[in-house]
Amino acid sequence: MGQFITDIDVLVPYEKPSDRTPIRTPTGWELIPFDLNSGAGGAYLYLVYEKHLQDRPITGLRILKNDERPPTGYQTLPVDLNKGVKNESTSLFLAVTREAGAAITDLAVTHWTDPAQHIPPKQGYLRVQYAGTDIDLNLGAGGDFIFLDYRPAMNSQENA
């Protein structure tokens, strides 16, 4: 049986390059070393997550736009994923649930800069969507094309 993702957070280690300091990841947490505002000129944002065998796993991820309320059973993380972007970008928030569904075992950020390019999720991973469509975490902000992918547990042994 593997470990499951039991908590996710968004770190804002600094707002602009002149403030650059080392990223301090909470003890026991893993950092995805990619700025979620890459190319958009906003605050520097990084996803961190924690894995455990015993705690209740996260089973669902959703993106919410602007003041959208989360579905029942979801909790919204308080950081706008377009924080500090200067243009008229859409505010995006990550929401998580621990309700029914397959436990999430891994997270990945997939990104590219060429608008003609499209990189699908790695094998075994799903992409976080909004209204049935893959959602760019830089939606309306310009910059890189950034997508959050996750790996659900695939069998009852892994999901126990």
Protein backbone atom coordinates (compact mmCIF):
# COMPACT_ATOMS: atom_id res chain seq x y z
CA MET A 1 0.00 0.00 0.00
CA GLY A 2 1.40 3.41 -0.96
CA GLN A 3 1.16 6.78 0.63
CA PHE A 4 -1.62 9.17 -0.31
CA ILE A 5 -1.69 12.93 -0.58
CA THR A 6 -3.37 14.11 2.59
CA ASP A 7 -2.83 17.88 2.36
CA ILE A 8 -2.04 20.49 -0.30
CA ASP A 9 -1.06 24.13 0.06
CA VAL A 10 0.11 27.01 -2.13
CA LEU A 11 3.28 28.78 -0.96
CA VAL A 12 3.92 32.42 -1.82
CA PRO A 13 7.62 32.68 -0.92
CA TYR A 14 8.03 36.15 -2.49
CA GLU A 15 6.07 38.62 -4.57
CA LYS A 16 8.80 39.86 -6.95
CA PRO A 17 12.31 38.77 -8.02
CA SER A 18 14.01 41.43 -5.87
CA ASP A 19 12.43 39.75 -2.80
CA ARG A 20 13.79 36.33 -3.80
CA THR A 21 14.58 34.20 -0.77
CA PRO A 22 14.97 30.42 -0.47
CA ILE A 23 11.66 28.57 -0.54
CA ARG A 24 10.97 27.12 2.88
CA THR A 25 8.94 23.95 2.50
CA PRO A 26 7.16 22.85 5.69
CA THR A 27 8.80 19.86 7.36
CA GLY A 28 7.57 16.61 5.81
CA TRP A 29 6.02 18.33 2.78
CA GLU A 30 7.10 17.94 -0.85
CA LEU A 31 7.57 20.89 -3.21
CA ILE A 32 6.67 20.95 -6.89
CA PRO A 33 9.55 23.20 -8.04
CA PHE A 34 7.64 25.21 -10.65
CA ASP A 35 6.25 28.74 -10.37
CA LEU A 36 2.51 28.56 -11.07
CA ASN A 37 2.61 32.14 -12.42
CA SER A 38 5.52 31.46 -14.76
CA GLY A 39 5.62 34.04 -17.53
CA ALA A 40 2.58 35.95 -16.22
CA GLY A 41 4.44 38.42 -14.00
CA GLY A 42 2.48 37.69 -10.83
CA ALA A 43 3.61 36.54 -7.40
CA TYR A 44 5.77 33.43 -7.25
CA LEU A 45 3.52 30.50 -6.32
CA TYR A 46 4.47 26.90 -5.59
CA LEU A 47 2.39 23.85 -4.73
CA VAL A 48 3.42 21.75 -1.76
CA TYR A 49 1.82 18.57 -0.54
CA GLU A 50 2.03 16.12 2.31
CA LYS A 51 1.72 12.33 2.11
CA HIS A 52 0.72 9.86 4.81
CA LEU A 53 -0.52 6.30 5.14
CA GLN A 54 -2.98 6.88 7.97
CA ASP A 55 -4.59 10.33 7.43
CA ARG A 56 -7.67 10.80 5.25
CA PRO A 57 -6.48 11.18 1.66
CA ILE A 58 -7.50 13.89 -0.75
CA THR A 59 -9.82 12.34 -3.34
CA GLY A 60 -10.75 15.26 -5.56
CA LEU A 61 -9.35 18.52 -6.93
CA ARG A 62 -11.28 21.37 -8.51
CA ILE A 63 -10.53 24.84 -9.80
CA LEU A 64 -12.96 27.60 -8.85
CA LYS A 65 -13.19 30.93 -10.70
CA ASN A 66 -13.49 34.34 -9.06
CA ASP A 67 -16.08 34.20 -6.22
CA GLU A 68 -17.44 30.76 -7.13
CA ARG A 69 -18.44 28.72 -4.10
CA PRO A 70 -17.01 25.22 -3.71
CA PRO A 71 -19.25 22.19 -4.12
CA THR A 72 -20.42 20.45 -0.95
CA GLY A 73 -17.52 18.63 0.71
CA TYR A 74 -14.79 20.76 -0.91
CA GLN A 75 -12.51 23.22 0.90
CA THR A 76 -10.98 26.13 -1.02
CA LEU A 77 -7.32 27.04 -0.55
CA PRO A 78 -7.08 30.79 0.16
CA VAL A 79 -4.43 31.76 -2.44
CA ASP A 80 -5.48 33.10 -5.86
CA LEU A 81 -3.46 31.12 -8.41
CA ASN A 82 -3.20 34.36 -10.46
CA LYS A 83 -2.08 36.42 -7.44
CA GLY A 84 -0.29 39.62 -8.41
CA VAL A 85 -0.92 39.36 -12.15
CA LYS A 86 -1.30 42.90 -13.51
CA ASN A 87 -3.79 42.34 -16.35
CA GLU A 88 -7.47 41.44 -16.10
CA SER A 89 -6.87 37.78 -15.32
CA THR A 90 -9.43 35.44 -13.84
CA SER A 91 -9.00 34.65 -10.15
CA LEU A 92 -8.51 30.91 -9.76
CA PHE A 93 -8.59 28.91 -6.54
CA LEU A 94 -7.80 25.25 -5.89
CA ALA A 95 -10.41 23.32 -3.90
CA VAL A 96 -9.91 19.85 -2.41
CA THR A 97 -12.14 17.14 -1.00
CA ARG A 98 -11.66 14.04 1.10
CA GLU A 99 -15.12 12.69 0.26
CA ALA A 100 -15.78 9.57 -1.83
CA GLY A 101 -13.46 8.78 -4.70
CA ALA A 102 -10.03 7.35 -5.36
CA ALA A 103 -7.23 8.62 -3.15
CA ILE A 104 -4.75 10.86 -4.94
CA THR A 105 -1.21 9.47 -4.84
CA ASP A 106 0.80 12.08 -6.75
CA LEU A 107 0.66 15.58 -8.27
CA ALA A 108 2.50 17.03 -11.26
CA VAL A 109 2.58 20.36 -13.05
CA THR A 110 2.70 20.18 -16.86
CA HIS A 111 3.64 23.36 -18.73
CA TRP A 112 4.65 24.71 -22.10
CA THR A 113 5.12 28.11 -23.75
CA ASP A 114 4.12 27.51 -27.39
CA PRO A 115 0.35 28.06 -27.93
CA ALA A 116 0.45 25.51 -30.79
CA GLN A 117 1.74 22.84 -28.43
CA HIS A 118 -0.31 20.60 -26.15
CA ILE A 119 1.23 18.13 -23.71
CA PRO A 120 -1.15 15.52 -22.29
CA PRO A 121 -0.83 14.27 -18.72
CA LYS A 122 1.69 11.50 -18.04
CA GLN A 123 0.34 7.97 -18.29
CA GLY A 124 -1.83 7.14 -15.27
CA TYR A 125 -2.48 10.83 -14.47
CA LEU A 126 -5.61 12.92 -14.96
CA ARG A 127 -5.77 16.67 -15.54
CA VAL A 128 -7.71 19.02 -13.27
CA GLN A 129 -10.61 20.41 -15.27
CA TYR A 130 -13.19 23.16 -15.11
CA ALA A 131 -16.63 22.40 -16.59
CA GLY A 132 -15.24 19.32 -18.36
CA THR A 133 -12.27 21.10 -19.98
CA ASP A 134 -8.59 21.14 -19.03
CA ILE A 135 -7.94 24.44 -17.25
CA ASP A 136 -4.82 26.55 -17.68
CA LEU A 137 -3.74 27.86 -14.26
CA ASN A 138 -2.61 31.06 -16.02
CA LEU A 139 -6.09 31.56 -17.52
CA GLY A 140 -6.37 35.15 -18.71
CA ALA A 141 -2.98 36.02 -17.22
CA GLY A 142 -0.78 35.34 -20.22
CA GLY A 143 2.49 33.59 -19.59
CA ASP A 144 3.15 29.86 -19.80
CA PHE A 145 0.39 27.29 -20.23
CA ILE A 146 0.25 25.55 -16.85
CA PHE A 147 -1.87 22.54 -15.90
CA LEU A 148 -2.22 20.55 -12.69
CA ASP A 149 -2.23 16.76 -13.10
CA TYR A 150 -2.87 14.13 -10.47
CA ARG A 151 -2.57 10.37 -10.15
CA PRO A 152 -5.53 8.58 -8.55
CA ALA A 153 -5.04 5.22 -6.84
CA MET A 154 -5.87 2.60 -9.45
CA ASN A 155 -6.94 -0.43 -7.47
CA SER A 156 -8.54 -1.38 -4.17
CA GLN A 157 -5.18 -2.47 -2.72
CA GLU A 158 -3.69 0.95 -3.43
CA ASN A 159 -6.87 2.75 -2.30
CA ALA A 160 -7.31 0.89 1.01
